[in-house]
N, C-alpha and C. Protein backbone atom coordinates (compact mmCIF):
# COMPACT_ATOMS: atom_id res chain seq x y z
N MET A 1 -9.80 -37.63 62.95
CA MET A 1 -10.43 -36.64 62.10
C MET A 1 -10.71 -37.21 60.71
N LEU A 2 -9.81 -38.06 60.21
CA LEU A 2 -10.02 -38.62 58.88
C LEU A 2 -11.22 -39.57 58.87
N THR A 3 -11.46 -40.24 59.98
CA THR A 3 -12.64 -41.10 60.07
C THR A 3 -13.90 -40.26 59.96
N GLU A 4 -13.91 -39.14 60.64
CA GLU A 4 -15.06 -38.24 60.58
C GLU A 4 -15.22 -37.67 59.17
N LEU A 5 -14.10 -37.36 58.53
CA LEU A 5 -14.15 -36.86 57.15
C LEU A 5 -14.78 -37.90 56.23
N ARG A 6 -14.37 -39.16 56.36
CA ARG A 6 -14.95 -40.23 55.54
C ARG A 6 -16.45 -40.32 55.76
N THR A 7 -16.87 -40.22 57.00
CA THR A 7 -18.30 -40.29 57.33
C THR A 7 -19.08 -39.19 56.61
N HIS A 8 -18.55 -37.98 56.65
CA HIS A 8 -19.24 -36.85 56.03
C HIS A 8 -19.24 -36.94 54.50
N VAL A 9 -18.15 -37.42 53.91
CA VAL A 9 -18.12 -37.59 52.45
C VAL A 9 -19.21 -38.58 52.04
N ALA A 10 -19.27 -39.71 52.71
CA ALA A 10 -20.26 -40.74 52.37
C ALA A 10 -21.68 -40.20 52.55
N ARG A 11 -21.91 -39.46 53.63
CA ARG A 11 -23.24 -38.90 53.87
C ARG A 11 -23.63 -37.94 52.76
N ARG A 12 -22.68 -37.10 52.34
CA ARG A 12 -22.97 -36.13 51.29
C ARG A 12 -23.22 -36.81 49.93
N LEU A 13 -22.64 -37.98 49.73
CA LEU A 13 -22.87 -38.73 48.49
C LEU A 13 -24.08 -39.67 48.61
N ASN A 14 -24.64 -39.71 49.81
CA ASN A 14 -25.80 -40.56 50.07
C ASN A 14 -25.51 -42.03 49.79
N LEU A 15 -24.32 -42.46 50.25
CA LEU A 15 -23.89 -43.85 50.09
C LEU A 15 -23.31 -44.35 51.40
N PRO A 16 -23.31 -45.65 51.62
CA PRO A 16 -22.63 -46.19 52.80
C PRO A 16 -21.13 -45.93 52.70
N GLN A 17 -20.53 -45.65 53.83
CA GLN A 17 -19.09 -45.38 53.86
C GLN A 17 -18.29 -46.54 53.26
N GLU A 18 -18.74 -47.76 53.52
CA GLU A 18 -18.04 -48.94 53.00
C GLU A 18 -18.01 -48.94 51.48
N GLU A 19 -19.05 -48.41 50.86
CA GLU A 19 -19.11 -48.39 49.40
C GLU A 19 -18.21 -47.29 48.82
N VAL A 20 -18.20 -46.14 49.46
CA VAL A 20 -17.38 -45.03 48.97
C VAL A 20 -15.89 -45.36 49.09
N PHE A 21 -15.51 -46.01 50.18
CA PHE A 21 -14.10 -46.26 50.47
C PHE A 21 -13.72 -47.72 50.28
N ALA A 22 -14.35 -48.39 49.32
CA ALA A 22 -14.08 -49.81 49.05
C ALA A 22 -12.90 -50.01 48.09
N GLY A 23 -12.26 -48.93 47.68
CA GLY A 23 -11.13 -49.05 46.78
C GLY A 23 -11.47 -48.93 45.31
N GLN A 24 -12.73 -48.68 45.03
CA GLN A 24 -13.13 -48.52 43.63
C GLN A 24 -12.82 -47.09 43.18
N PRO A 25 -12.67 -46.89 41.88
CA PRO A 25 -12.38 -45.53 41.40
C PRO A 25 -13.55 -44.58 41.65
N LEU A 26 -13.23 -43.31 41.70
CA LEU A 26 -14.26 -42.30 41.92
C LEU A 26 -15.35 -42.36 40.85
N SER A 27 -15.00 -42.81 39.65
CA SER A 27 -16.03 -42.94 38.60
C SER A 27 -17.11 -43.92 39.03
N ALA A 28 -16.74 -45.01 39.72
CA ALA A 28 -17.72 -45.98 40.19
C ALA A 28 -18.54 -45.41 41.35
N VAL A 29 -17.88 -44.63 42.21
CA VAL A 29 -18.59 -43.98 43.31
C VAL A 29 -19.61 -43.00 42.73
N LEU A 30 -19.20 -42.25 41.73
CA LEU A 30 -20.09 -41.29 41.07
C LEU A 30 -21.30 -42.01 40.47
N ALA A 31 -21.06 -43.12 39.81
CA ALA A 31 -22.16 -43.88 39.19
C ALA A 31 -23.12 -44.45 40.24
N ALA A 32 -22.59 -44.79 41.41
CA ALA A 32 -23.42 -45.38 42.45
C ALA A 32 -24.20 -44.35 43.25
N SER A 33 -23.70 -43.14 43.31
CA SER A 33 -24.34 -42.12 44.14
C SER A 33 -25.66 -41.65 43.55
N PRO A 34 -26.71 -41.64 44.36
CA PRO A 34 -27.99 -41.14 43.86
C PRO A 34 -28.05 -39.61 43.81
N THR A 35 -27.07 -38.94 44.42
CA THR A 35 -27.11 -37.48 44.46
C THR A 35 -26.04 -36.82 43.61
N ALA A 36 -24.91 -37.46 43.42
CA ALA A 36 -23.83 -36.86 42.63
C ALA A 36 -24.07 -37.15 41.15
N ILE A 37 -24.04 -36.09 40.35
CA ILE A 37 -24.30 -36.23 38.92
C ILE A 37 -23.01 -36.17 38.11
N ASN A 38 -22.04 -35.40 38.59
CA ASN A 38 -20.80 -35.23 37.84
C ASN A 38 -19.63 -35.02 38.81
N SER A 39 -18.44 -34.84 38.26
CA SER A 39 -17.25 -34.72 39.09
C SER A 39 -17.29 -33.49 39.99
N ILE A 40 -18.01 -32.46 39.58
CA ILE A 40 -18.15 -31.27 40.43
C ILE A 40 -18.89 -31.64 41.72
N ASP A 41 -19.86 -32.52 41.61
CA ASP A 41 -20.57 -32.97 42.80
C ASP A 41 -19.66 -33.75 43.74
N LEU A 42 -18.72 -34.52 43.17
CA LEU A 42 -17.74 -35.22 44.01
C LEU A 42 -16.86 -34.22 44.74
N LEU A 43 -16.38 -33.22 44.02
CA LEU A 43 -15.56 -32.18 44.65
C LEU A 43 -16.35 -31.49 45.76
N ASP A 44 -17.60 -31.21 45.48
CA ASP A 44 -18.45 -30.56 46.47
C ASP A 44 -18.63 -31.43 47.71
N ALA A 45 -18.74 -32.73 47.52
CA ALA A 45 -18.88 -33.63 48.66
C ALA A 45 -17.64 -33.59 49.54
N PHE A 46 -16.47 -33.60 48.93
CA PHE A 46 -15.23 -33.53 49.70
C PHE A 46 -15.07 -32.16 50.36
N ALA A 47 -15.34 -31.11 49.60
CA ALA A 47 -15.22 -29.75 50.16
C ALA A 47 -16.20 -29.55 51.31
N GLY A 48 -17.42 -30.01 51.14
CA GLY A 48 -18.41 -29.89 52.21
C GLY A 48 -18.03 -30.69 53.44
N ALA A 49 -17.47 -31.87 53.22
CA ALA A 49 -17.03 -32.70 54.35
C ALA A 49 -15.90 -32.01 55.10
N LEU A 50 -15.00 -31.36 54.37
CA LEU A 50 -13.93 -30.61 55.03
C LEU A 50 -14.51 -29.50 55.90
N ALA A 51 -15.52 -28.82 55.38
CA ALA A 51 -16.19 -27.77 56.16
C ALA A 51 -16.90 -28.37 57.37
N ASP A 52 -17.52 -29.52 57.17
CA ASP A 52 -18.24 -30.18 58.27
C ASP A 52 -17.33 -30.48 59.45
N VAL A 53 -16.08 -30.85 59.16
CA VAL A 53 -15.14 -31.17 60.25
C VAL A 53 -14.28 -29.96 60.64
N GLY A 54 -14.51 -28.83 59.98
CA GLY A 54 -13.87 -27.59 60.39
C GLY A 54 -12.44 -27.40 59.93
N VAL A 55 -12.06 -28.04 58.84
CA VAL A 55 -10.68 -27.89 58.36
C VAL A 55 -10.61 -27.34 56.94
N ASP A 56 -11.72 -26.81 56.43
CA ASP A 56 -11.75 -26.33 55.06
C ASP A 56 -10.80 -25.17 54.81
N GLU A 57 -10.42 -24.44 55.85
CA GLU A 57 -9.48 -23.33 55.69
C GLU A 57 -8.03 -23.81 55.76
N ASP A 58 -7.82 -25.05 56.18
CA ASP A 58 -6.47 -25.56 56.43
C ASP A 58 -5.88 -26.36 55.28
N VAL A 59 -6.70 -26.82 54.35
CA VAL A 59 -6.23 -27.67 53.26
C VAL A 59 -6.84 -27.26 51.94
N GLU A 60 -6.24 -27.74 50.88
CA GLU A 60 -6.79 -27.56 49.54
C GLU A 60 -7.12 -28.95 48.99
N LEU A 61 -8.19 -29.02 48.24
CA LEU A 61 -8.52 -30.29 47.61
C LEU A 61 -7.42 -30.68 46.64
N PRO A 62 -6.96 -31.91 46.70
CA PRO A 62 -5.90 -32.34 45.78
C PRO A 62 -6.45 -32.49 44.36
N THR A 63 -5.55 -32.40 43.42
CA THR A 63 -5.92 -32.69 42.03
C THR A 63 -6.21 -34.17 41.93
N MET A 64 -7.34 -34.52 41.35
CA MET A 64 -7.70 -35.92 41.25
C MET A 64 -8.44 -36.16 39.95
N THR A 65 -8.40 -37.39 39.52
CA THR A 65 -9.17 -37.81 38.36
C THR A 65 -10.20 -38.83 38.83
N LEU A 66 -11.08 -39.20 37.96
CA LEU A 66 -12.07 -40.21 38.32
C LEU A 66 -11.47 -41.60 38.44
N ASP A 67 -10.18 -41.74 38.09
CA ASP A 67 -9.48 -43.01 38.27
C ASP A 67 -8.94 -43.16 39.69
N HIS A 68 -8.84 -42.06 40.44
CA HIS A 68 -8.38 -42.12 41.82
C HIS A 68 -9.49 -42.72 42.69
N THR A 69 -9.10 -43.16 43.88
CA THR A 69 -10.08 -43.66 44.83
C THR A 69 -10.37 -42.59 45.87
N ALA A 70 -11.49 -42.72 46.54
CA ALA A 70 -11.83 -41.78 47.62
C ALA A 70 -10.79 -41.85 48.73
N GLU A 71 -10.26 -43.04 48.98
CA GLU A 71 -9.25 -43.19 50.02
C GLU A 71 -7.97 -42.44 49.65
N GLU A 72 -7.61 -42.43 48.38
CA GLU A 72 -6.42 -41.67 47.95
C GLU A 72 -6.63 -40.18 48.20
N VAL A 73 -7.83 -39.70 47.98
CA VAL A 73 -8.13 -38.29 48.23
C VAL A 73 -8.01 -37.99 49.72
N VAL A 74 -8.60 -38.84 50.55
CA VAL A 74 -8.54 -38.63 52.00
C VAL A 74 -7.10 -38.73 52.50
N THR A 75 -6.32 -39.63 51.96
CA THR A 75 -4.92 -39.76 52.35
C THR A 75 -4.15 -38.48 52.02
N ALA A 76 -4.38 -37.92 50.84
CA ALA A 76 -3.72 -36.67 50.45
C ALA A 76 -4.14 -35.53 51.38
N LEU A 77 -5.41 -35.48 51.73
CA LEU A 77 -5.88 -34.46 52.66
C LEU A 77 -5.25 -34.65 54.03
N GLY A 78 -5.13 -35.90 54.46
CA GLY A 78 -4.50 -36.19 55.74
C GLY A 78 -3.06 -35.74 55.80
N LYS A 79 -2.33 -35.90 54.70
CA LYS A 79 -0.94 -35.44 54.64
C LYS A 79 -0.86 -33.92 54.78
N GLN A 80 -1.80 -33.23 54.12
CA GLN A 80 -1.83 -31.77 54.27
C GLN A 80 -2.12 -31.36 55.70
N LEU A 81 -3.08 -32.04 56.31
CA LEU A 81 -3.42 -31.72 57.70
C LEU A 81 -2.26 -31.99 58.64
N ALA A 82 -1.54 -33.08 58.40
CA ALA A 82 -0.39 -33.40 59.23
C ALA A 82 0.69 -32.32 59.09
N ALA A 83 0.86 -31.81 57.88
CA ALA A 83 1.87 -30.77 57.65
C ALA A 83 1.48 -29.45 58.31
N THR A 84 0.19 -29.16 58.36
CA THR A 84 -0.24 -27.89 58.97
C THR A 84 -0.21 -27.94 60.48
N SER A 85 -0.28 -29.14 61.04
CA SER A 85 -0.25 -29.25 62.51
C SER A 85 1.16 -29.39 63.05
N SER A 86 2.15 -29.49 62.17
CA SER A 86 3.55 -29.64 62.62
C SER A 86 4.14 -28.31 63.02
């Protein structure tokens, strides 16, 4: 499921998945995205991706700064999903 989530986040940011999840901070992802203008757009990309995979009712977006990486966000979401399926 997390692989699918990564795919949808990258699609919503209009970037290759490898670029979004290359370990760079979200600020760099934001600068590279042709569609995301601000941090709200990043949140929207993650929230939309959660809806795309059908788990938007099961988790909450973690608190994040532009210094975090996209992978850190997905890892936090994965931990929430693991806790809800236990």
